[in-house]
Amino acid sequence: MTLLSAADIDRGLDVLAGWGGDPDGIRCRYSAPDFPTAIALVDAVAVAAEEADHHPDIDIRWRDVLFVLATHSEGGVTDQDLRLAGRIDGIARGLGIV
């Protein structure tokens, strides 16, 4: 895997509203309409992350869920993080979280 530059990360995140970051990690906070929907988001992302064998850091605060992605074995952000960010975004949208 290859670490991405800040410019590569910015280009990759252009299509993902709310996502930002730098070569150390990318992040997005989603606000669900209620706590059960926030937990449903985390549950669905857990399944996707397990399938990808790539796991985000997750912080849950009532209805707000923060995802932080970095490929720790590589020391920063890789394409794998951008792909998982896209999956997380799709899951959130599917649950009506934008």
PDB file of N, CA and C in Angstrom:
ATOM      1  N   MET A   1       0.827  -1.179   0.000  1.00  0.00           N
ATOM      2  CA  MET A   1       0.000   0.000   0.000  1.00  0.00           C
ATOM      3  C   MET A   1       0.871   1.242   0.000  1.00  0.00           C
ATOM      4  N   THR A   2       0.361   2.273  -0.625  1.00  0.00           N
ATOM      5  CA  THR A   2       1.095   3.522  -0.729  1.00  0.00           C
ATOM      6  C   THR A   2       0.383   4.610   0.059  1.00  0.00           C
ATOM      7  N   LEU A   3       1.140   5.367   0.831  1.00  0.00           N
ATOM      8  CA  LEU A   3       0.569   6.515   1.534  1.00  0.00           C
ATOM      9  C   LEU A   3       0.163   7.575   0.520  1.00  0.00           C
ATOM     10  N   LEU A   4      -0.943   8.255   0.792  1.00  0.00           N
ATOM     11  CA  LEU A   4      -1.438   9.296  -0.092  1.00  0.00           C
ATOM     12  C   LEU A   4      -0.948  10.664   0.364  1.00  0.00           C
ATOM     13  N   SER A   5      -0.742  11.538  -0.598  1.00  0.00           N
ATOM     14  CA  SER A   5      -0.381  12.923  -0.285  1.00  0.00           C
ATOM     15  C   SER A   5      -1.640  13.675   0.141  1.00  0.00           C
ATOM     16  N   ALA A   6      -1.451  14.852   0.710  1.00  0.00           N
ATOM     17  CA  ALA A   6      -2.590  15.686   1.098  1.00  0.00           C
ATOM     18  C   ALA A   6      -3.454  16.008  -0.123  1.00  0.00           C
ATOM     19  N   ALA A   7      -2.831  16.284  -1.265  1.00  0.00           N
ATOM     20  CA  ALA A   7      -3.587  16.587  -2.484  1.00  0.00           C
ATOM     21  C   ALA A   7      -4.393  15.375  -2.945  1.00  0.00           C
ATOM     22  N   ASP A   8      -3.815  14.176  -2.866  1.00  0.00           N
ATOM     23  CA  ASP A   8      -4.532  12.957  -3.249  1.00  0.00           C
ATOM     24  C   ASP A   8      -5.729  12.735  -2.327  1.00  0.00           C
ATOM     25  N   ILE A   9      -5.527  12.981  -1.053  1.00  0.00           N
ATOM     26  CA  ILE A   9      -6.605  12.810  -0.076  1.00  0.00           C
ATOM     27  C   ILE A   9      -7.725  13.800  -0.359  1.00  0.00           C
ATOM     28  N   ASP A  10      -7.379  15.060  -0.592  1.00  0.00           N
ATOM     29  CA  ASP A  10      -8.387  16.076  -0.901  1.00  0.00           C
ATOM     30  C   ASP A  10      -9.200  15.688  -2.127  1.00  0.00           C
ATOM     31  N   ARG A  11      -8.532  15.209  -3.170  1.00  0.00           N
ATOM     32  CA  ARG A  11      -9.234  14.781  -4.383  1.00  0.00           C
ATOM     33  C   ARG A  11     -10.161  13.603  -4.081  1.00  0.00           C
ATOM     34  N   GLY A  12      -9.682  12.665  -3.291  1.00  0.00           N
ATOM     35  CA  GLY A  12     -10.491  11.498  -2.959  1.00  0.00           C
ATOM     36  C   GLY A  12     -11.696  11.829  -2.099  1.00  0.00           C
ATOM     37  N   LEU A  13     -11.574  12.864  -1.283  1.00  0.00           N
ATOM     38  CA  LEU A  13     -12.673  13.238  -0.394  1.00  0.00           C
ATOM     39  C   LEU A  13     -13.631  14.243  -1.023  1.00  0.00           C
ATOM     40  N   ASP A  14     -13.285  14.777  -2.194  1.00  0.00           N
ATOM     41  CA  ASP A  14     -14.150  15.757  -2.862  1.00  0.00           C
ATOM     42  C   ASP A  14     -15.574  15.253  -3.048  1.00  0.00           C
ATOM     43  N   VAL A  15     -15.732  13.963  -3.243  1.00  0.00           N
ATOM     44  CA  VAL A  15     -17.055  13.394  -3.503  1.00  0.00           C
ATOM     45  C   VAL A  15     -17.757  12.943  -2.224  1.00  0.00           C
ATOM     46  N   LEU A  16     -17.108  13.115  -1.078  1.00  0.00           N
ATOM     47  CA  LEU A  16     -17.674  12.665   0.194  1.00  0.00           C
ATOM     48  C   LEU A  16     -17.925  13.870   1.101  1.00  0.00           C
ATOM     49  N   ALA A  17     -19.149  14.353   1.086  1.00  0.00           N
ATOM     50  CA  ALA A  17     -19.504  15.529   1.887  1.00  0.00           C
ATOM     51  C   ALA A  17     -19.245  15.260   3.372  1.00  0.00           C
ATOM     52  N   GLY A  18     -18.624  16.231   4.013  1.00  0.00           N
ATOM     53  CA  GLY A  18     -18.401  16.136   5.450  1.00  0.00           C
ATOM     54  C   GLY A  18     -17.093  15.490   5.848  1.00  0.00           C
ATOM     55  N   TRP A  19     -16.443  14.815   4.921  1.00  0.00           N
ATOM     56  CA  TRP A  19     -15.171  14.172   5.222  1.00  0.00           C
ATOM     57  C   TRP A  19     -14.028  15.167   5.042  1.00  0.00           C
ATOM     58  N   GLY A  20     -13.059  15.084   5.912  1.00  0.00           N
ATOM     59  CA  GLY A  20     -11.872  15.918   5.812  1.00  0.00           C
ATOM     60  C   GLY A  20     -10.711  15.216   6.472  1.00  0.00           C
ATOM     61  N   GLY A  21      -9.573  15.842   6.444  1.00  0.00           N
ATOM     62  CA  GLY A  21      -8.428  15.258   7.100  1.00  0.00           C
ATOM     63  C   GLY A  21      -7.132  15.647   6.451  1.00  0.00           C
ATOM     64  N   ASP A  22      -6.138  14.867   6.761  1.00  0.00           N
ATOM     65  CA  ASP A  22      -4.777  15.108   6.286  1.00  0.00           C
ATOM     66  C   ASP A  22      -4.086  13.758   6.170  1.00  0.00           C
ATOM     67  N   PRO A  23      -2.813  13.725   5.823  1.00  0.00           N
ATOM     68  CA  PRO A  23      -2.139  12.437   5.647  1.00  0.00           C
ATOM     69  C   PRO A  23      -2.085  11.547   6.904  1.00  0.00           C
ATOM     70  N   ASP A  24      -2.370  12.113   8.066  1.00  0.00           N
ATOM     71  CA  ASP A  24      -2.385  11.307   9.291  1.00  0.00           C
ATOM     72  C   ASP A  24      -3.697  10.575   9.507  1.00  0.00           C
ATOM     73  N   GLY A  25      -4.787  11.084   8.919  1.00  0.00           N
ATOM     74  CA  GLY A  25      -6.088  10.445   9.100  1.00  0.00           C
ATOM     75  C   GLY A  25      -7.197  11.269   8.485  1.00  0.00           C
ATOM     76  N   ILE A  26      -8.276  10.566   8.107  1.00  0.00           N
ATOM     77  CA  ILE A  26      -9.457  11.242   7.587  1.00  0.00           C
ATOM     78  C   ILE A  26     -10.606  10.980   8.545  1.00  0.00           C
ATOM     79  N   ARG A  27     -11.556  11.933   8.581  1.00  0.00           N
ATOM     80  CA  ARG A  27     -12.611  11.812   9.576  1.00  0.00           C
ATOM     81  C   ARG A  27     -13.911  12.431   9.100  1.00  0.00           C
ATOM     82  N   CYS A  28     -14.993  11.931   9.694  1.00  0.00           N
ATOM     83  CA  CYS A  28     -16.306  12.508   9.442  1.00  0.00           C
ATOM     84  C   CYS A  28     -17.192  12.217  10.652  1.00  0.00           C
ATOM     85  N   ARG A  29     -17.989  13.214  11.025  1.00  0.00           N
ATOM     86  CA  ARG A  29     -18.963  13.055  12.108  1.00  0.00           C
ATOM     87  C   ARG A  29     -20.359  13.037  11.483  1.00  0.00           C
ATOM     88  N   TYR A  30     -21.114  12.000  11.811  1.00  0.00           N
ATOM     89  CA  TYR A  30     -22.488  11.874  11.352  1.00  0.00           C
ATOM     90  C   TYR A  30     -23.418  12.094  12.538  1.00  0.00           C
ATOM     91  N   SER A  31     -24.499  12.828  12.305  1.00  0.00           N
ATOM     92  CA  SER A  31     -25.509  13.056  13.344  1.00  0.00           C
ATOM     93  C   SER A  31     -26.783  12.338  12.929  1.00  0.00           C
ATOM     94  N   ALA A  32     -27.108  11.294  13.654  1.00  0.00           N
ATOM     95  CA  ALA A  32     -28.298  10.496  13.373  1.00  0.00           C
ATOM     96  C   ALA A  32     -29.519  11.162  14.014  1.00  0.00           C
ATOM     97  N   PRO A  33     -30.712  10.819  13.556  1.00  0.00           N
ATOM     98  CA  PRO A  33     -31.914  11.415  14.147  1.00  0.00           C
ATOM     99  C   PRO A  33     -32.177  10.945  15.580  1.00  0.00           C
ATOM    100  N   ASP A  34     -31.620   9.771  15.935  1.00  0.00           N
ATOM    101  CA  ASP A  34     -31.820   9.246  17.284  1.00  0.00           C
ATOM    102  C   ASP A  34     -30.712   8.239  17.602  1.00  0.00           C
ATOM    103  N   PHE A  35     -30.647   7.833  18.857  1.00  0.00           N
ATOM    104  CA  PHE A  35     -29.585   6.931  19.297  1.00  0.00           C
ATOM    105  C   PHE A  35     -29.654   5.557  18.608  1.00  0.00           C
ATOM    106  N   PRO A  36     -30.838   4.937  18.485  1.00  0.00           N
ATOM    107  CA  PRO A  36     -30.861   3.639  17.791  1.00  0.00           C
ATOM    108  C   PRO A  36     -30.338   3.701  16.357  1.00  0.00           C
ATOM    109  N   THR A  37     -30.604   4.788  15.644  1.00  0.00           N
ATOM    110  CA  THR A  37     -30.093   4.911  14.283  1.00  0.00           C
ATOM    111  C   THR A  37     -28.579   5.091  14.292  1.00  0.00           C
ATOM    112  N   ALA A  38     -28.058   5.807  15.272  1.00  0.00           N
ATOM    113  CA  ALA A  38     -26.602   5.948  15.399  1.00  0.00           C
ATOM    114  C   ALA A  38     -25.956   4.582  15.621  1.00  0.00           C
ATOM    115  N   ILE A  39     -26.564   3.771  16.456  1.00  0.00           N
ATOM    116  CA  ILE A  39     -26.022   2.430  16.725  1.00  0.00           C
ATOM    117  C   ILE A  39     -26.179   1.538  15.496  1.00  0.00           C
ATOM    118  N   ALA A  40     -27.278   1.683  14.753  1.00  0.00           N
ATOM    119  CA  ALA A  40     -27.451   0.919  13.510  1.00  0.00           C
ATOM    120  C   ALA A  40     -26.341   1.272  12.524  1.00  0.00           C
ATOM    121  N   LEU A  41     -25.964   2.548  12.468  1.00  0.00           N
ATOM    122  CA  LEU A  41     -24.853   2.973  11.608  1.00  0.00           C
ATOM    123  C   LEU A  41     -23.566   2.275  12.024  1.00  0.00           C
ATOM    124  N   VAL A  42     -23.277   2.283  13.297  1.00  0.00           N
ATOM    125  CA  VAL A  42     -22.052   1.635  13.793  1.00  0.00           C
ATOM    126  C   VAL A  42     -22.086   0.141  13.499  1.00  0.00           C
ATOM    127  N   ASP A  43     -23.232  -0.503  13.724  1.00  0.00           N
ATOM    128  CA  ASP A  43     -23.345  -1.943  13.449  1.00  0.00           C
ATOM    129  C   ASP A  43     -23.089  -2.258  11.977  1.00  0.00           C
ATOM    130  N   ALA A  44     -23.685  -1.467  11.089  1.00  0.00           N
ATOM    131  CA  ALA A  44     -23.510  -1.717   9.652  1.00  0.00           C
ATOM    132  C   ALA A  44     -22.071  -1.445   9.213  1.00  0.00           C
ATOM    133  N   VAL A  45     -21.465  -0.409   9.763  1.00  0.00           N
ATOM    134  CA  VAL A  45     -20.069  -0.119   9.437  1.00  0.00           C
ATOM    135  C   VAL A  45     -19.164  -1.221   9.972  1.00  0.00           C
ATOM    136  N   ALA A  46     -19.490  -1.778  11.120  1.00  0.00           N
ATOM    137  CA  ALA A  46     -18.686  -2.873  11.671  1.00  0.00           C
ATOM    138  C   ALA A  46     -18.660  -4.060  10.713  1.00  0.00           C
ATOM    139  N   VAL A  47     -19.788  -4.373  10.106  1.00  0.00           N
ATOM    140  CA  VAL A  47     -19.854  -5.479   9.144  1.00  0.00           C
ATOM    141  C   VAL A  47     -19.018  -5.144   7.911  1.00  0.00           C
ATOM    142  N   ALA A  48     -19.174  -3.936   7.376  1.00  0.00           N
ATOM    143  CA  ALA A  48     -18.406  -3.523   6.194  1.00  0.00           C
ATOM    144  C   ALA A  48     -16.911  -3.514   6.486  1.00  0.00           C
ATOM    145  N   ALA A  49     -16.538  -3.045   7.667  1.00  0.00           N
ATOM    146  CA  ALA A  49     -15.120  -2.991   8.044  1.00  0.00           C
ATOM    147  C   ALA A  49     -14.537  -4.394   8.172  1.00  0.00           C
ATOM    148  N   GLU A  50     -15.310  -5.280   8.724  1.00  0.00           N
ATOM    149  CA  GLU A  50     -14.839  -6.663   8.862  1.00  0.00           C
ATOM    150  C   GLU A  50     -14.656  -7.307   7.490  1.00  0.00           C
ATOM    151  N   GLU A  51     -15.596  -7.048   6.581  1.00  0.00           N
ATOM    152  CA  GLU A  51     -15.479  -7.572   5.213  1.00  0.00           C
ATOM    153  C   GLU A  51     -14.226  -7.034   4.529  1.00  0.00           C
ATOM    154  N   ALA A  52     -13.904  -5.767   4.787  1.00  0.00           N
ATOM    155  CA  ALA A  52     -12.740  -5.132   4.161  1.00  0.00           C
ATOM    156  C   ALA A  52     -11.448  -5.413   4.920  1.00  0.00           C
ATOM    157  N   ASP A  53     -11.566  -6.014   6.099  1.00  0.00           N
ATOM    158  CA  ASP A  53     -10.419  -6.233   6.990  1.00  0.00           C
ATOM    159  C   ASP A  53      -9.670  -4.916   7.221  1.00  0.00           C
ATOM    160  N   HIS A  54     -10.480  -3.877   7.445  1.00  0.00           N
ATOM    161  CA  HIS A  54      -9.937  -2.530   7.684  1.00  0.00           C
ATOM    162  C   HIS A  54     -10.903  -1.835   8.629  1.00  0.00           C
ATOM    163  N   HIS A  55     -10.429  -1.431   9.798  1.00  0.00           N
ATOM    164  CA  HIS A  55     -11.333  -1.020  10.868  1.00  0.00           C
ATOM    165  C   HIS A  55     -11.108   0.429  11.292  1.00  0.00           C
ATOM    166  N   PRO A  56     -12.187   1.218  11.310  1.00  0.00           N
ATOM    167  CA  PRO A  56     -12.072   2.621  11.703  1.00  0.00           C
ATOM    168  C   PRO A  56     -12.031   2.767  13.223  1.00  0.00           C
ATOM    169  N   ASP A  57     -11.521   3.899  13.666  1.00  0.00           N
ATOM    170  CA  ASP A  57     -11.722   4.307  15.050  1.00  0.00           C
ATOM    171  C   ASP A  57     -13.108   4.933  15.086  1.00  0.00           C
ATOM    172  N   ILE A  58     -13.881   4.592  16.118  1.00  0.00           N
ATOM    173  CA  ILE A  58     -15.265   5.058  16.208  1.00  0.00           C
ATOM    174  C   ILE A  58     -15.496   5.654  17.584  1.00  0.00           C
ATOM    175  N   ASP A  59     -16.087   6.844  17.598  1.00  0.00           N
ATOM    176  CA  ASP A  59     -16.452   7.511  18.846  1.00  0.00           C
ATOM    177  C   ASP A  59     -17.946   7.813  18.773  1.00  0.00           C
ATOM    178  N   ILE A  60     -18.707   7.277  19.727  1.00  0.00           N
ATOM    179  CA  ILE A  60     -20.155   7.464  19.752  1.00  0.00           C
ATOM    180  C   ILE A  60     -20.504   8.393  20.913  1.00  0.00           C
ATOM    181  N   ARG A  61     -21.217   9.461  20.587  1.00  0.00           N
ATOM    182  CA  ARG A  61     -21.710  10.405  21.590  1.00  0.00           C
ATOM    183  C   ARG A  61     -23.185  10.650  21.312  1.00  0.00           C
ATOM    184  N   TRP A  62     -24.043   9.902  21.973  1.00  0.00           N
ATOM    185  CA  TRP A  62     -25.490   9.960  21.814  1.00  0.00           C
ATOM    186  C   TRP A  62     -25.854   9.748  20.353  1.00  0.00           C
ATOM    187  N   ARG A  63     -26.246  10.769  19.600  1.00  0.00           N
ATOM    188  CA  ARG A  63     -26.645  10.618  18.205  1.00  0.00           C
ATOM    189  C   ARG A  63     -25.495  10.879  17.249  1.00  0.00           C
ATOM    190  N   ASP A  64     -24.364  11.336  17.754  1.00  0.00           N
ATOM    191  CA  ASP A  64     -23.218  11.685  16.911  1.00  0.00           C
ATOM    192  C   ASP A  64     -22.197  10.562  16.894  1.00  0.00           C
ATOM    193  N   VAL A  65     -21.780  10.209  15.687  1.00  0.00           N
ATOM    194  CA  VAL A  65     -20.790   9.149  15.514  1.00  0.00           C
ATOM    195  C   VAL A  65     -19.635   9.715  14.691  1.00  0.00           C
ATOM    196  N   LEU A  66     -18.443   9.653  15.258  1.00  0.00           N
ATOM    197  CA  LEU A  66     -17.238  10.110  14.578  1.00  0.00           C
ATOM    198  C   LEU A  66     -16.449   8.900  14.108  1.00  0.00           C
ATOM    199  N   PHE A  67     -16.129   8.884  12.812  1.00  0.00           N
ATOM    200  CA  PHE A  67     -15.276   7.848  12.234  1.00  0.00           C
ATOM    201  C   PHE A  67     -13.945   8.482  11.878  1.00  0.00           C
ATOM    202  N   VAL A  68     -12.860   7.825  12.250  1.00  0.00           N
ATOM    203  CA  VAL A  68     -11.515   8.264  11.881  1.00  0.00           C
ATOM    204  C   VAL A  68     -10.827   7.078  11.218  1.00  0.00           C
ATOM    205  N   LEU A  69     -10.257   7.328  10.044  1.00  0.00           N
ATOM    206  CA  LEU A  69      -9.614   6.273   9.266  1.00  0.00           C
ATOM    207  C   LEU A  69      -8.153   6.602   9.000  1.00  0.00           C
ATOM    208  N   ALA A  70      -7.313   5.621   9.186  1.00  0.00           N
ATOM    209  CA  ALA A  70      -5.903   5.659   8.802  1.00  0.00           C
ATOM    210  C   ALA A  70      -5.443   4.215   8.739  1.00  0.00           C
ATOM    211  N   THR A  71      -4.515   3.947   7.863  1.00  0.00           N
ATOM    212  CA  THR A  71      -3.939   2.607   7.772  1.00  0.00           C
ATOM    213  C   THR A  71      -2.739   2.587   8.706  1.00  0.00           C
ATOM    214  N   HIS A  72      -2.974   2.121   9.928  1.00  0.00           N
ATOM    215  CA  HIS A  72      -1.956   2.206  10.972  1.00  0.00           C
ATOM    216  C   HIS A  72      -0.668   1.475  10.598  1.00  0.00           C
ATOM    217  N   SER A  73      -0.812   0.356   9.884  1.00  0.00           N
ATOM    218  CA  SER A  73       0.389  -0.400   9.499  1.00  0.00           C
ATOM    219  C   SER A  73       1.258   0.371   8.513  1.00  0.00           C
ATOM    220  N   GLU A  74       0.659   1.349   7.814  1.00  0.00           N
ATOM    221  CA  GLU A  74       1.400   2.152   6.840  1.00  0.00           C
ATOM    222  C   GLU A  74       1.773   3.525   7.387  1.00  0.00           C
ATOM    223  N   GLY A  75       1.160   3.895   8.522  1.00  0.00           N
ATOM    224  CA  GLY A  75       1.488   5.180   9.126  1.00  0.00           C
ATOM    225  C   GLY A  75       0.752   6.370   8.553  1.00  0.00           C
ATOM    226  N   GLY A  76      -0.413   6.144   7.942  1.00  0.00           N
ATOM    227  CA  GLY A  76      -1.184   7.259   7.389  1.00  0.00           C
ATOM    228  C   GLY A  76      -2.309   6.780   6.501  1.00  0.00           C
ATOM    229  N   VAL A  77      -2.783   7.679   5.666  1.00  0.00           N
ATOM    230  CA  VAL A  77      -3.946   7.416   4.820  1.00  0.00           C
ATOM    231  C   VAL A  77      -3.522   6.751   3.508  1.00  0.00           C
ATOM    232  N   THR A  78      -4.264   5.699   3.146  1.00  0.00           N
ATOM    233  CA  THR A  78      -4.062   4.985   1.888  1.00  0.00           C
ATOM    234  C   THR A  78      -5.392   4.917   1.139  1.00  0.00           C
ATOM    235  N   ASP A  79      -5.355   4.352  -0.059  1.00  0.00           N
ATOM    236  CA  ASP A  79      -6.587   4.153  -0.829  1.00  0.00           C
ATOM    237  C   ASP A  79      -7.609   3.327  -0.058  1.00  0.00           C
ATOM    238  N   GLN A  80      -7.135   2.422   0.769  1.00  0.00           N
ATOM    239  CA  GLN A  80      -8.031   1.586   1.555  1.00  0.00           C
ATOM    240  C   GLN A  80      -8.917   2.449   2.464  1.00  0.00           C
ATOM    241  N   ASP A  81      -8.362   3.527   2.993  1.00  0.00           N
ATOM    242  CA  ASP A  81      -9.142   4.420   3.842  1.00  0.00           C
ATOM    243  C   ASP A  81     -10.198   5.166   3.039  1.00  0.00           C
ATOM    244  N   LEU A  82      -9.839   5.623   1.858  1.00  0.00           N
ATOM    245  CA  LEU A  82     -10.808   6.318   1.008  1.00  0.00           C
ATOM    246  C   LEU A  82     -11.948   5.377   0.598  1.00  0.00           C
ATOM    247  N   ARG A  83     -11.614   4.132   0.295  1.00  0.00           N
ATOM    248  CA  ARG A  83     -12.663   3.170  -0.077  1.00  0.00           C
ATOM    249  C   ARG A  83     -13.622   2.941   1.089  1.00  0.00           C
ATOM    250  N   LEU A  84     -13.075   2.763   2.293  1.00  0.00           N
ATOM    251  CA  LEU A  84     -13.936   2.533   3.447  1.00  0.00           C
ATOM    252  C   LEU A  84     -14.754   3.788   3.766  1.00  0.00           C
ATOM    253  N   ALA A  85     -14.178   4.959   3.604  1.00  0.00           N
ATOM    254  CA  ALA A  85     -14.938   6.198   3.811  1.00  0.00           C
ATOM    255  C   ALA A  85     -16.137   6.238   2.868  1.00  0.00           C
ATOM    256  N   GLY A  86     -15.945   5.827   1.625  1.00  0.00           N
ATOM    257  CA  GLY A  86     -17.042   5.774   0.670  1.00  0.00           C
ATOM    258  C   GLY A  86     -18.124   4.797   1.093  1.00  0.00           C
ATOM    259  N   ARG A  87     -17.704   3.651   1.619  1.00  0.00           N
ATOM    260  CA  ARG A  87     -18.690   2.672   2.103  1.00  0.00           C
ATOM    261  C   ARG A  87     -19.449   3.219   3.298  1.00  0.00           C
ATOM    262  N   ILE A  88     -18.740   3.864   4.222  1.00  0.00           N
ATOM    263  CA  ILE A  88     -19.392   4.448   5.397  1.00  0.00           C
ATOM    264  C   ILE A  88     -20.410   5.490   4.952  1.00  0.00           C
ATOM    265  N   ASP A  89     -20.026   6.336   4.012  1.00  0.00           N
ATOM    266  CA  ASP A  89     -20.932   7.366   3.518  1.00  0.00           C
ATOM    267  C   ASP A  89     -22.177   6.741   2.899  1.00  0.00           C
ATOM    268  N   GLY A  90     -22.002   5.697   2.122  1.00  0.00           N
ATOM    269  CA  GLY A  90     -23.152   5.018   1.521  1.00  0.00           C
ATOM    270  C   GLY A  90     -24.069   4.395   2.559  1.00  0.00           C
ATOM    271  N   ILE A  91     -23.486   3.816   3.592  1.00  0.00           N
ATOM    272  CA  ILE A  91     -24.285   3.220   4.673  1.00  0.00           C
ATOM    273  C   ILE A  91     -25.075   4.320   5.386  1.00  0.00           C
ATOM    274  N   ALA A  92     -24.405   5.414   5.696  1.00  0.00           N
ATOM    275  CA  ALA A  92     -25.087   6.520   6.388  1.00  0.00           C
ATOM    276  C   ALA A  92     -26.256   7.042   5.555  1.00  0.00           C
ATOM    277  N   ARG A  93     -26.020   7.242   4.270  1.00  0.00           N
ATOM    278  CA  ARG A  93     -27.088   7.735   3.394  1.00  0.00           C
ATOM    279  C   ARG A  93     -28.247   6.740   3.325  1.00  0.00           C
ATOM    280  N   GLY A  94     -27.906   5.453   3.302  1.00  0.00           N
ATOM    281  CA  GLY A  94     -28.940   4.425   3.287  1.00  0.00           C
ATOM    282  C   GLY A  94     -29.807   4.432   4.529  1.00  0.00           C
ATOM    283  N   LEU A  95     -29.250   4.896   5.626  1.00  0.00           N
ATOM    284  CA  LEU A  95     -30.004   5.014   6.876  1.00  0.00           C
ATOM    285  C   LEU A  95     -30.666   6.377   7.031  1.00  0.00           C
ATOM    286  N   GLY A  96     -30.537   7.212   6.013  1.00  0.00           N
ATOM    287  CA  GLY A  96     -31.140   8.539   6.065  1.00  0.00           C
ATOM    288  C   GLY A  96     -30.338   9.561   6.844  1.00  0.00           C
ATOM    289  N   ILE A  97     -29.053   9.255   7.073  1.00  0.00           N
ATOM    290  CA  ILE A  97     -28.175  10.167   7.793  1.00  0.00           C
ATOM    291  C   ILE A  97     -27.330  10.900   6.754  1.00  0.00           C
ATOM    292  N   VAL A  98     -27.454  12.209   6.716  1.00  0.00           N
ATOM    293  CA  VAL A  98     -26.672  13.003   5.754  1.00  0.00           C
ATOM    294  C   VAL A  98     -25.940  14.119   6.455  1.00  0.00           C
TER     295      VAL A  98
END
